[in-house]
Amino acid sequence: MDAGTHAFYDRYANEGVAAESPRSAMLAQVERLLPVGCSVLDVGAGAGRDVAGMLALGLQAWGVEPHAGMRAQAERLYPTTRGRLADAGLPDLGHPFAVERPQGFDAVVCSAVLMHLAPSDLPAALASMASLLRPRQAAPAVRLLLALPEMAASALAGDRDGDGRRFHNHAPSEVQALLAPLGLRLHSAVVNDAVLVSAATRWHLLAFQDA
């Protein structure tokens, strides 16, 4: 995470987390697509909202989050996330929770994270997430869930958004092409324009399954 993006999340951890909606759009997709009991890793877990939500839905959920302030807020706001969040971030996650999940996870979720990566880091980031999926036998149909923002060019200044965060639009078609050699193909795609007017951003919710 670069300095400008880190500075934004310093502020967000102290001021913005309290204003978050109690339920994310991603959690609705998780509930629709992933069966109760499956193991899930939330990449870029933030303040733990989705990890806590997935645990409440009966999933075995863990998360990784590189910002210490956000992890601290998660443990404060969502006690069920204690012991389930690790310090790791893209493009190289390593093997988080190797003791708890030595074979990996049934599914990986990554919402509102990839836009902070430069295009040159995107292939490694997708490969890192794919490497954490356990062997496909008895796994759910959907293995990877991504939420990708598409911000209007008029709202960006170079590679920064209005909050000073690094921000790159990664086309869903590009992500799909990069995941194909990793053995993942598109299962479904949903476009959400709820904040298109207020935030100049269209959201792409992409679900991938084993090829």
C-alpha atoms as a PDB file:
ATOM      1  CA  MET A   1       0.000   0.000   0.000  1.00  0.00           C
ATOM      2  CA  ASP A   2       1.557   3.314  -1.065  1.00  0.00           C
ATOM      3  CA  ALA A   3       1.822   6.314   1.267  1.00  0.00           C
ATOM      4  CA  GLY A   4      -1.142   8.257  -0.131  1.00  0.00           C
ATOM      5  CA  THR A   5      -3.475   5.279   0.062  1.00  0.00           C
ATOM      6  CA  HIS A   6      -2.221   4.415   3.549  1.00  0.00           C
ATOM      7  CA  ALA A   7      -2.900   7.975   4.713  1.00  0.00           C
ATOM      8  CA  PHE A   8      -6.494   7.714   3.502  1.00  0.00           C
ATOM      9  CA  TYR A   9      -7.045   4.513   5.467  1.00  0.00           C
ATOM     10  CA  ASP A  10      -5.467   6.107   8.546  1.00  0.00           C
ATOM     11  CA  ARG A  11      -8.252   8.685   8.379  1.00  0.00           C
ATOM     12  CA  TYR A  12     -10.901   6.151   7.428  1.00  0.00           C
ATOM     13  CA  ALA A  13     -10.084   3.854  10.346  1.00  0.00           C
ATOM     14  CA  ASN A  14     -10.650   6.746  12.749  1.00  0.00           C
ATOM     15  CA  GLU A  15     -13.535   8.540  11.061  1.00  0.00           C
ATOM     16  CA  GLY A  16     -15.102   6.572   8.219  1.00  0.00           C
ATOM     17  CA  VAL A  17     -15.690   3.076   9.542  1.00  0.00           C
ATOM     18  CA  ALA A  18     -18.550   4.187  11.801  1.00  0.00           C
ATOM     19  CA  ALA A  19     -20.489   5.408   8.755  1.00  0.00           C
ATOM     20  CA  GLU A  20     -20.288   2.102   6.867  1.00  0.00           C
ATOM     21  CA  SER A  21     -23.524   0.387   5.942  1.00  0.00           C
ATOM     22  CA  PRO A  22     -24.051  -2.638   8.195  1.00  0.00           C
ATOM     23  CA  ARG A  23     -24.308  -4.916   5.158  1.00  0.00           C
ATOM     24  CA  SER A  24     -22.219  -4.713   1.990  1.00  0.00           C
ATOM     25  CA  ALA A  25     -23.275  -5.488  -1.561  1.00  0.00           C
ATOM     26  CA  MET A  26     -20.598  -8.192  -1.607  1.00  0.00           C
ATOM     27  CA  LEU A  27     -22.118  -9.978   1.385  1.00  0.00           C
ATOM     28  CA  ALA A  28     -25.384 -10.340  -0.521  1.00  0.00           C
ATOM     29  CA  GLN A  29     -23.484 -12.083  -3.332  1.00  0.00           C
ATOM     30  CA  VAL A  30     -21.680 -14.321  -0.841  1.00  0.00           C
ATOM     31  CA  GLU A  31     -24.988 -15.350   0.704  1.00  0.00           C
ATOM     32  CA  ARG A  32     -26.423 -16.109  -2.741  1.00  0.00           C
ATOM     33  CA  LEU A  33     -23.460 -18.018  -4.162  1.00  0.00           C
ATOM     34  CA  LEU A  34     -21.585 -19.762  -1.328  1.00  0.00           C
ATOM     35  CA  PRO A  35     -23.027 -22.630   0.732  1.00  0.00           C
ATOM     36  CA  VAL A  36     -23.132 -22.637   4.508  1.00  0.00           C
ATOM     37  CA  GLY A  37     -20.065 -24.253   6.031  1.00  0.00           C
ATOM     38  CA  CYS A  38     -17.555 -23.490   3.297  1.00  0.00           C
ATOM     39  CA  SER A  39     -14.248 -21.809   4.108  1.00  0.00           C
ATOM     40  CA  VAL A  40     -13.691 -18.293   2.778  1.00  0.00           C
ATOM     41  CA  LEU A  41     -10.803 -15.823   2.817  1.00  0.00           C
ATOM     42  CA  ASP A  42     -11.665 -12.121   2.568  1.00  0.00           C
ATOM     43  CA  VAL A  43      -8.739 -10.308   0.932  1.00  0.00           C
ATOM     44  CA  GLY A  44      -8.644  -6.690   2.046  1.00  0.00           C
ATOM     45  CA  ALA A  45     -10.995  -7.274   4.965  1.00  0.00           C
ATOM     46  CA  GLY A  46     -10.910  -3.672   6.161  1.00  0.00           C
ATOM     47  CA  ALA A  47     -12.687  -3.227   9.477  1.00  0.00           C
ATOM     48  CA  GLY A  48     -14.023  -6.772   9.412  1.00  0.00           C
ATOM     49  CA  ARG A  49     -17.608  -6.132   8.349  1.00  0.00           C
ATOM     50  CA  ASP A  50     -17.766  -8.902   5.752  1.00  0.00           C
ATOM     51  CA  VAL A  51     -15.787 -11.432   7.800  1.00  0.00           C
ATOM     52  CA  ALA A  52     -18.234 -10.908  10.667  1.00  0.00           C
ATOM     53  CA  GLY A  53     -21.160 -11.093   8.257  1.00  0.00           C
ATOM     54  CA  MET A  54     -19.932 -14.333   6.721  1.00  0.00           C
ATOM     55  CA  LEU A  55     -19.431 -15.888  10.153  1.00  0.00           C
ATOM     56  CA  ALA A  56     -23.017 -14.932  11.014  1.00  0.00           C
ATOM     57  CA  LEU A  57     -24.179 -16.671   7.823  1.00  0.00           C
ATOM     58  CA  GLY A  58     -22.525 -19.910   8.918  1.00  0.00           C
ATOM     59  CA  LEU A  59     -19.405 -19.746   6.768  1.00  0.00           C
ATOM     60  CA  GLN A  60     -15.894 -20.419   8.061  1.00  0.00           C
ATOM     61  CA  ALA A  61     -14.434 -16.990   7.381  1.00  0.00           C
ATOM     62  CA  TRP A  62     -10.995 -15.448   7.770  1.00  0.00           C
ATOM     63  CA  GLY A  63      -9.537 -12.225   6.423  1.00  0.00           C
ATOM     64  CA  VAL A  64      -6.297 -10.477   5.559  1.00  0.00           C
ATOM     65  CA  GLU A  65      -5.833  -6.721   5.905  1.00  0.00           C
ATOM     66  CA  PRO A  66      -2.536  -4.800   5.591  1.00  0.00           C
ATOM     67  CA  HIS A  67      -3.626  -1.720   7.565  1.00  0.00           C
ATOM     68  CA  ALA A  68      -3.103  -2.117  11.321  1.00  0.00           C
ATOM     69  CA  GLY A  69      -5.680   0.536  12.215  1.00  0.00           C
ATOM     70  CA  MET A  70      -8.385  -1.225  10.229  1.00  0.00           C
ATOM     71  CA  ARG A  71      -7.565  -4.557  11.862  1.00  0.00           C
ATOM     72  CA  ALA A  72      -7.797  -2.921  15.285  1.00  0.00           C
ATOM     73  CA  GLN A  73     -11.206  -1.490  14.418  1.00  0.00           C
ATOM     74  CA  ALA A  74     -12.361  -4.910  13.270  1.00  0.00           C
ATOM     75  CA  GLU A  75     -11.550  -6.485  16.620  1.00  0.00           C
ATOM     76  CA  ARG A  76     -13.245  -3.612  18.432  1.00  0.00           C
ATOM     77  CA  LEU A  77     -16.409  -3.527  16.334  1.00  0.00           C
ATOM     78  CA  TYR A  78     -16.739  -7.234  15.541  1.00  0.00           C
ATOM     79  CA  PRO A  79     -15.441  -9.446  18.374  1.00  0.00           C
ATOM     80  CA  THR A  80     -16.117 -12.584  16.327  1.00  0.00           C
ATOM     81  CA  THR A  81     -13.248 -11.610  14.018  1.00  0.00           C
ATOM     82  CA  ARG A  82     -10.617 -11.884  16.766  1.00  0.00           C
ATOM     83  CA  GLY A  83      -7.968 -14.385  15.738  1.00  0.00           C
ATOM     84  CA  ARG A  84      -9.371 -14.462  12.204  1.00  0.00           C
ATOM     85  CA  LEU A  85      -7.548 -11.482  10.677  1.00  0.00           C
ATOM     86  CA  ALA A  86      -3.935 -11.527   9.513  1.00  0.00           C
ATOM     87  CA  ASP A  87      -1.525  -8.855   8.322  1.00  0.00           C
ATOM     88  CA  ALA A  88      -1.123  -9.518   4.594  1.00  0.00           C
ATOM     89  CA  GLY A  89      -1.879  -7.740   1.350  1.00  0.00           C
ATOM     90  CA  LEU A  90      -1.718  -7.985  -2.404  1.00  0.00           C
ATOM     91  CA  PRO A  91       0.041  -8.583  -4.705  1.00  0.00           C
ATOM     92  CA  ASP A  92       1.696 -11.335  -2.616  1.00  0.00           C
ATOM     93  CA  LEU A  93      -0.437 -12.810   0.158  1.00  0.00           C
ATOM     94  CA  GLY A  94       1.849 -15.694   1.019  1.00  0.00           C
ATOM     95  CA  HIS A  95      -0.102 -18.484   2.746  1.00  0.00           C
ATOM     96  CA  PRO A  96      -2.161 -16.913   5.534  1.00  0.00           C
ATOM     97  CA  PHE A  97      -3.775 -19.223   8.089  1.00  0.00           C
ATOM     98  CA  ALA A  98      -1.618 -22.119   6.941  1.00  0.00           C
ATOM     99  CA  VAL A  99      -2.217 -23.899  10.253  1.00  0.00           C
ATOM    100  CA  GLU A 100      -6.002 -23.545  10.150  1.00  0.00           C
ATOM    101  CA  ARG A 101      -6.323 -24.095   6.393  1.00  0.00           C
ATOM    102  CA  PRO A 102      -3.257 -26.044   5.213  1.00  0.00           C
ATOM    103  CA  GLN A 103      -4.944 -26.944   1.911  1.00  0.00           C
ATOM    104  CA  GLY A 104      -6.340 -23.483   1.338  1.00  0.00           C
ATOM    105  CA  PHE A 105      -9.878 -22.155   1.134  1.00  0.00           C
ATOM    106  CA  ASP A 106     -13.046 -23.176  -0.665  1.00  0.00           C
ATOM    107  CA  ALA A 107     -13.480 -19.606  -1.904  1.00  0.00           C
ATOM    108  CA  VAL A 108     -11.752 -16.220  -1.881  1.00  0.00           C
ATOM    109  CA  VAL A 109     -13.523 -12.851  -1.749  1.00  0.00           C
ATOM    110  CA  CYS A 110     -11.874  -9.552  -2.706  1.00  0.00           C
ATOM    111  CA  SER A 111     -13.958  -6.380  -2.649  1.00  0.00           C
ATOM    112  CA  ALA A 112     -12.782  -2.830  -3.375  1.00  0.00           C
ATOM    113  CA  VAL A 113      -9.081  -3.690  -3.292  1.00  0.00           C
ATOM    114  CA  LEU A 114      -7.719  -4.374  -6.770  1.00  0.00           C
ATOM    115  CA  MET A 115      -8.105  -0.758  -7.878  1.00  0.00           C
ATOM    116  CA  HIS A 116      -5.248   0.156  -5.531  1.00  0.00           C
ATOM    117  CA  LEU A 117      -2.847  -2.024  -7.536  1.00  0.00           C
ATOM    118  CA  ALA A 118      -0.910  -0.854 -10.564  1.00  0.00           C
ATOM    119  CA  PRO A 119      -1.718  -2.783 -13.757  1.00  0.00           C
ATOM    120  CA  SER A 120       1.717  -4.405 -13.589  1.00  0.00           C
ATOM    121  CA  ASP A 121       0.830  -5.941 -10.202  1.00  0.00           C
ATOM    122  CA  LEU A 122      -2.570  -7.292 -11.236  1.00  0.00           C
ATOM    123  CA  PRO A 123      -1.405 -10.652 -12.701  1.00  0.00           C
ATOM    124  CA  ALA A 124       0.585 -11.516  -9.563  1.00  0.00           C
ATOM    125  CA  ALA A 125      -2.301 -10.477  -7.305  1.00  0.00           C
ATOM    126  CA  LEU A 126      -4.804 -12.697  -9.114  1.00  0.00           C
ATOM    127  CA  ALA A 127      -2.339 -15.591  -9.120  1.00  0.00           C
ATOM    128  CA  SER A 128      -1.765 -15.156  -5.386  1.00  0.00           C
ATOM    129  CA  MET A 129      -5.488 -15.384  -4.660  1.00  0.00           C
ATOM    130  CA  ALA A 130      -5.974 -18.353  -6.983  1.00  0.00           C
ATOM    131  CA  SER A 131      -3.121 -20.191  -5.269  1.00  0.00           C
ATOM    132  CA  LEU A 132      -5.056 -20.139  -1.999  1.00  0.00           C
ATOM    133  CA  LEU A 133      -7.989 -22.115  -3.392  1.00  0.00           C
ATOM    134  CA  ARG A 134      -7.971 -25.677  -2.149  1.00  0.00           C
ATOM    135  CA  PRO A 135      -8.274 -28.629  -4.559  1.00  0.00           C
ATOM    136  CA  ARG A 136     -11.601 -28.532  -6.320  1.00  0.00           C
ATOM    137  CA  GLN A 137     -13.148 -31.788  -5.070  1.00  0.00           C
ATOM    138  CA  ALA A 138     -16.188 -31.045  -2.911  1.00  0.00           C
ATOM    139  CA  ALA A 139     -15.593 -27.306  -3.332  1.00  0.00           C
ATOM    140  CA  PRO A 140     -18.491 -24.917  -4.077  1.00  0.00           C
ATOM    141  CA  ALA A 141     -19.232 -23.973  -7.677  1.00  0.00           C
ATOM    142  CA  VAL A 142     -18.060 -20.388  -7.152  1.00  0.00           C
ATOM    143  CA  ARG A 143     -14.424 -20.077  -6.073  1.00  0.00           C
ATOM    144  CA  LEU A 144     -13.554 -16.383  -6.439  1.00  0.00           C
ATOM    145  CA  LEU A 145     -15.729 -13.304  -5.900  1.00  0.00           C
ATOM    146  CA  LEU A 146     -14.439  -9.871  -6.936  1.00  0.00           C
ATOM    147  CA  ALA A 147     -15.911  -6.372  -6.651  1.00  0.00           C
ATOM    148  CA  LEU A 148     -14.225  -4.026  -9.134  1.00  0.00           C
ATOM    149  CA  PRO A 149     -14.956  -0.297  -9.250  1.00  0.00           C
ATOM    150  CA  GLU A 150     -14.966   1.616 -12.516  1.00  0.00           C
ATOM    151  CA  MET A 151     -14.508   5.303 -11.722  1.00  0.00           C
ATOM    152  CA  ALA A 152     -15.162   7.971 -14.338  1.00  0.00           C
ATOM    153  CA  ALA A 153     -11.978   9.455 -15.792  1.00  0.00           C
ATOM    154  CA  SER A 154     -13.225  12.909 -14.812  1.00  0.00           C
ATOM    155  CA  ALA A 155     -13.030  11.896 -11.139  1.00  0.00           C
ATOM    156  CA  LEU A 156      -9.392  10.797 -11.366  1.00  0.00           C
ATOM    157  CA  ALA A 157      -6.192  12.830 -11.394  1.00  0.00           C
ATOM    158  CA  GLY A 158      -3.605  10.574 -12.964  1.00  0.00           C
ATOM    159  CA  ASP A 159      -3.529   7.446 -10.843  1.00  0.00           C
ATOM    160  CA  ARG A 160      -5.277   9.077  -7.841  1.00  0.00           C
ATOM    161  CA  ASP A 161      -8.894   9.465  -6.845  1.00  0.00           C
ATOM    162  CA  GLY A 162     -10.293  12.495  -5.050  1.00  0.00           C
ATOM    163  CA  ASP A 163      -9.233  11.077  -1.674  1.00  0.00           C
ATOM    164  CA  GLY A 164      -5.605  10.713  -2.727  1.00  0.00           C
ATOM    165  CA  ARG A 165      -5.726   6.937  -3.000  1.00  0.00           C
ATOM    166  CA  ARG A 166      -3.952   5.111  -5.803  1.00  0.00           C
ATOM    167  CA  PHE A 167      -6.763   4.129  -8.152  1.00  0.00           C
ATOM    168  CA  HIS A 168      -6.648   2.133 -11.380  1.00  0.00           C
ATOM    169  CA  ASN A 169      -9.657   0.926 -13.334  1.00  0.00           C
ATOM    170  CA  HIS A 170      -9.100  -2.727 -14.232  1.00  0.00           C
ATOM    171  CA  ALA A 171     -11.491  -3.870 -16.946  1.00  0.00           C
ATOM    172  CA  PRO A 172     -13.537  -6.971 -16.084  1.00  0.00           C
ATOM    173  CA  SER A 173     -12.526  -8.447 -19.444  1.00  0.00           C
ATOM    174  CA  GLU A 174      -8.848  -8.066 -18.526  1.00  0.00           C
ATOM    175  CA  VAL A 175      -9.382  -9.770 -15.170  1.00  0.00           C
ATOM    176  CA  GLN A 176     -11.267 -12.569 -16.883  1.00  0.00           C
ATOM    177  CA  ALA A 177      -8.423 -13.071 -19.374  1.00  0.00           C
ATOM    178  CA  LEU A 178      -5.802 -13.168 -16.616  1.00  0.00           C
ATOM    179  CA  LEU A 179      -7.749 -15.723 -14.580  1.00  0.00           C
ATOM    180  CA  ALA A 180      -8.319 -18.127 -17.489  1.00  0.00           C
ATOM    181  CA  PRO A 181      -4.758 -19.569 -17.429  1.00  0.00           C
ATOM    182  CA  LEU A 182      -5.174 -20.002 -13.668  1.00  0.00           C
ATOM    183  CA  GLY A 183      -8.075 -22.389 -14.222  1.00  0.00           C
ATOM    184  CA  LEU A 184     -10.926 -19.996 -13.438  1.00  0.00           C
ATOM    185  CA  ARG A 185     -13.738 -18.898 -15.741  1.00  0.00           C
ATOM    186  CA  LEU A 186     -16.583 -16.436 -15.331  1.00  0.00           C
ATOM    187  CA  HIS A 187     -19.640 -17.806 -13.555  1.00  0.00           C
ATOM    188  CA  SER A 188     -21.718 -14.624 -13.385  1.00  0.00           C
ATOM    189  CA  ALA A 189     -21.408 -10.847 -13.497  1.00  0.00           C
ATOM    190  CA  VAL A 190     -23.563  -8.144 -11.921  1.00  0.00           C
ATOM    191  CA  VAL A 191     -23.306  -4.404 -12.578  1.00  0.00           C
ATOM    192  CA  ASN A 192     -24.273  -2.068  -9.728  1.00  0.00           C
ATOM    193  CA  ASP A 193     -24.874   1.601 -10.526  1.00  0.00           C
ATOM    194  CA  ALA A 194     -26.149   2.606  -7.074  1.00  0.00           C
ATOM    195  CA  VAL A 195     -23.375   5.190  -6.627  1.00  0.00           C
ATOM    196  CA  LEU A 196     -22.801   6.051 -10.281  1.00  0.00           C
ATOM    197  CA  VAL A 197     -24.209   9.554  -9.833  1.00  0.00           C
ATOM    198  CA  SER A 198     -23.013  10.297  -6.286  1.00  0.00           C
ATOM    199  CA  ALA A 199     -19.502   8.845  -6.623  1.00  0.00           C
ATOM    200  CA  ALA A 200     -19.012   8.615 -10.408  1.00  0.00           C
ATOM    201  CA  THR A 201     -18.387   4.903  -9.931  1.00  0.00           C
ATOM    202  CA  ARG A 202     -19.900   1.785 -11.454  1.00  0.00           C
ATOM    203  CA  TRP A 203     -19.290  -1.479  -9.610  1.00  0.00           C
ATOM    204  CA  HIS A 204     -18.704  -4.832 -11.276  1.00  0.00           C
ATOM    205  CA  LEU A 205     -19.404  -7.885  -9.102  1.00  0.00           C
ATOM    206  CA  LEU A 206     -17.718 -10.872 -10.738  1.00  0.00           C
ATOM    207  CA  ALA A 207     -17.972 -14.520  -9.705  1.00  0.00           C
ATOM    208  CA  PHE A 208     -15.561 -17.150 -11.050  1.00  0.00           C
ATOM    209  CA  GLN A 209     -15.709 -20.933 -11.023  1.00  0.00           C
ATOM    210  CA  ASP A 210     -13.296 -23.716 -11.878  1.00  0.00           C
ATOM    211  CA  ALA A 211     -12.768 -24.010 -15.622  1.00  0.00           C
END
